[in-house]
């Protein structure tokens, strides 16, 4: 049985076959801080021993189309990382479209000759000022030495990237 919800004689939601649709989605006002949408990516691919002093793609990327041009996009990532003989190791989010920009990187300094845990998580925020599709990629960096990002010595592991649009 189909139904309709009205407020002040304005249709705001309809139901048909158990599916509820917002009728007034173009006039719906989300409160500040509300999560508008979430996009996620996962990979089991390990990235090892890339060229020193370069940022490389991690195989984690998401596309997100902001609903509002003043929204903030919040990022959270996690992966297993080990490093040896490396001065600096870093993570950053790079936006490749609609315009290119890199968020501030998170860096650590590690100088052990032994394999030790490296920087495995990143948190960042972007304000793309657009309602066009944005493509984001987690990038990884090492100054020198050896690094293994999404290290899989003990079986298949999953690195994750979460992107959330937050209403301002």
Protein backbone atom coordinates (compact mmCIF):
# COMPACT_ATOMS: atom_id res chain seq x y z
CA UNK A 1 0.00 0.00 0.00
CA UNK A 2 1.46 3.35 -1.04
CA UNK A 3 1.52 6.23 1.41
CA UNK A 4 2.48 9.88 1.64
CA UNK A 5 3.71 12.05 4.51
CA UNK A 6 2.78 15.74 4.38
CA UNK A 7 3.77 18.70 6.56
CA UNK A 8 1.77 21.92 6.13
CA UNK A 9 0.20 20.29 3.07
CA UNK A 10 3.65 19.78 1.45
CA UNK A 11 4.61 16.23 0.49
CA UNK A 12 7.91 15.35 2.21
CA UNK A 13 8.00 11.55 1.80
CA UNK A 14 6.23 8.84 -0.13
CA UNK A 15 6.23 5.08 0.33
CA UNK A 16 5.72 2.51 -2.39
CA UNK A 17 6.42 -1.21 -2.11
CA UNK A 18 8.26 -0.73 1.20
CA UNK A 19 10.61 1.93 -0.19
CA UNK A 20 10.43 5.42 1.33
CA UNK A 21 11.50 8.32 -0.89
CA UNK A 22 12.00 11.90 0.23
CA UNK A 23 9.77 14.08 -1.92
CA UNK A 24 11.29 17.38 -0.84
CA UNK A 25 14.94 16.31 -1.08
CA UNK A 26 15.84 19.54 -2.85
CA UNK A 27 14.55 21.56 0.11
CA UNK A 28 15.67 19.21 2.88
CA UNK A 29 17.89 20.99 5.43
CA UNK A 30 20.55 18.85 7.10
CA UNK A 31 21.92 20.14 10.42
CA UNK A 32 25.54 21.27 10.67
CA UNK A 33 27.82 18.32 11.45
CA UNK A 34 25.46 15.82 9.80
CA UNK A 35 27.11 13.05 7.75
CA UNK A 36 25.63 13.44 4.27
CA UNK A 37 27.32 10.46 2.63
CA UNK A 38 30.13 7.94 3.11
CA UNK A 39 32.39 6.39 0.48
CA UNK A 40 34.85 3.60 1.26
CA UNK A 41 37.66 1.70 -0.44
CA UNK A 42 39.73 -1.32 0.56
CA UNK A 43 42.76 -3.05 -0.91
CA UNK A 44 44.85 -6.08 -0.06
CA UNK A 45 47.68 -4.95 -2.38
CA UNK A 46 51.02 -4.38 -0.69
CA UNK A 47 53.23 -1.52 -1.86
CA UNK A 48 56.91 -2.17 -1.16
CA UNK A 49 60.25 -0.47 -1.77
CA UNK A 50 59.16 2.36 -4.04
CA UNK A 51 61.57 5.07 -5.20
CA UNK A 52 63.04 7.18 -2.40
CA UNK A 53 61.85 10.75 -1.87
CA UNK A 54 58.63 10.30 -3.88
CA UNK A 55 54.89 10.19 -3.21
CA UNK A 56 53.26 7.09 -4.75
CA UNK A 57 49.65 5.96 -4.97
CA UNK A 58 48.58 3.35 -2.45
CA UNK A 59 45.81 1.72 -4.56
CA UNK A 60 43.20 3.28 -2.23
CA UNK A 61 40.93 5.81 -3.92
CA UNK A 62 37.36 7.06 -3.63
CA UNK A 63 35.07 9.25 -5.67
CA UNK A 64 32.66 11.49 -3.80
CA UNK A 65 30.27 14.08 -5.23
CA UNK A 66 29.51 16.66 -2.52
CA UNK A 67 25.84 17.59 -2.17
CA UNK A 68 26.78 21.08 -0.91
CA UNK A 69 29.59 23.35 -2.13
CA UNK A 70 30.63 24.25 1.43
CA UNK A 71 30.81 20.68 2.77
CA UNK A 72 33.94 19.30 4.36
CA UNK A 73 35.21 15.87 3.34
CA UNK A 74 36.68 13.97 6.32
CA UNK A 75 39.17 11.13 5.69
CA UNK A 76 40.28 8.24 7.86
CA UNK A 77 42.66 5.48 6.74
CA UNK A 78 44.33 2.45 8.26
CA UNK A 79 46.95 -0.02 7.04
CA UNK A 80 49.76 -2.14 8.41
CA UNK A 81 53.18 -0.58 7.71
CA UNK A 82 56.77 -1.56 8.50
CA UNK A 83 59.93 0.44 7.78
CA UNK A 84 63.70 0.06 8.14
CA UNK A 85 66.60 2.46 7.61
CA UNK A 86 64.14 5.18 6.66
CA UNK A 87 64.41 8.79 7.78
CA UNK A 88 60.86 9.97 7.10
CA UNK A 89 57.71 8.13 6.15
CA UNK A 90 54.46 9.91 5.34
CA UNK A 91 50.83 9.67 4.26
CA UNK A 92 48.63 12.24 2.55
CA UNK A 93 45.37 12.48 0.63
CA UNK A 94 45.65 13.82 -2.92
CA UNK A 95 42.60 15.20 -4.81
CA UNK A 96 43.07 14.77 -8.57
CA UNK A 97 39.74 16.16 -9.73
CA UNK A 98 38.00 18.47 -10.35
CA UNK A 99 41.14 20.41 -9.32
CA UNK A 100 44.42 19.03 -8.05
CA UNK A 101 45.35 19.53 -4.39
CA UNK A 102 47.13 17.61 -1.66
CA UNK A 103 46.12 17.71 1.98
CA UNK A 104 48.81 18.31 4.56
CA UNK A 105 50.80 15.11 5.07
CA UNK A 106 51.27 13.24 8.32
CA UNK A 107 54.96 12.32 8.73
CA UNK A 108 57.04 10.30 11.18
CA UNK A 109 60.78 10.04 11.66
CA UNK A 110 62.20 6.55 12.11
CA UNK A 111 65.88 5.65 12.02
CA UNK A 112 66.10 2.06 13.26
CA UNK A 113 68.16 -0.47 11.32
CA UNK A 114 65.53 -3.07 12.31
CA UNK A 115 62.07 -3.47 10.83
CA UNK A 116 59.67 -1.48 13.00
CA UNK A 117 56.03 -0.35 12.68
CA UNK A 118 55.55 2.73 10.51
CA UNK A 119 52.83 5.30 10.02
CA UNK A 120 49.69 3.28 9.28
CA UNK A 121 46.82 5.73 9.75
CA UNK A 122 45.88 9.16 8.44
CA UNK A 123 43.13 11.62 9.34
CA UNK A 124 42.47 14.72 7.24
CA UNK A 125 39.83 17.18 6.05
CA UNK A 126 39.30 18.80 2.64
CA UNK A 127 36.94 21.60 1.60
CA UNK A 128 36.71 21.17 -2.18
CA UNK A 129 34.16 24.03 -2.65
CA UNK A 130 32.33 22.17 -5.41
CA UNK A 131 29.38 19.90 -6.11
CA UNK A 132 31.32 18.13 -8.88
CA UNK A 133 32.71 14.64 -8.43
CA UNK A 134 35.99 14.64 -6.49
CA UNK A 135 38.55 11.84 -6.82
CA UNK A 136 40.79 11.22 -3.80
CA UNK A 137 43.80 8.90 -3.47
CA UNK A 138 45.84 7.99 -0.41
CA UNK A 139 49.52 8.50 -1.23
CA UNK A 140 52.55 7.17 0.65
CA UNK A 141 56.09 8.53 0.97
CA UNK A 142 59.50 7.42 2.18
CA UNK A 143 62.67 9.43 2.35
CA UNK A 144 65.07 6.49 2.09
CA UNK A 145 65.50 2.90 3.27
CA UNK A 146 62.77 0.31 2.88
CA UNK A 147 59.05 0.46 3.60
CA UNK A 148 56.18 -1.96 3.16
CA UNK A 149 52.74 -0.37 3.16
CA UNK A 150 49.79 -2.71 3.78
CA UNK A 151 52.30 -5.32 4.93
CA UNK A 152 50.95 -8.85 4.46
CA UNK A 153 53.52 -11.16 6.07
CA UNK A 154 50.90 -12.86 8.24
CA UNK A 155 48.23 -13.40 5.58
CA UNK A 156 45.86 -11.25 3.59
CA UNK A 157 45.32 -7.83 5.10
CA UNK A 158 43.04 -5.00 4.11
CA UNK A 159 43.90 -1.32 4.07
CA UNK A 160 40.91 1.01 4.25
CA UNK A 161 40.02 4.54 3.21
CA UNK A 162 36.83 6.20 4.48
CA UNK A 163 35.59 9.53 3.10
CA UNK A 164 32.60 11.28 4.68
CA UNK A 165 30.84 14.42 3.52
CA UNK A 166 30.03 16.57 6.56
CA UNK A 167 27.43 19.38 6.35
CA UNK A 168 28.66 22.84 7.36
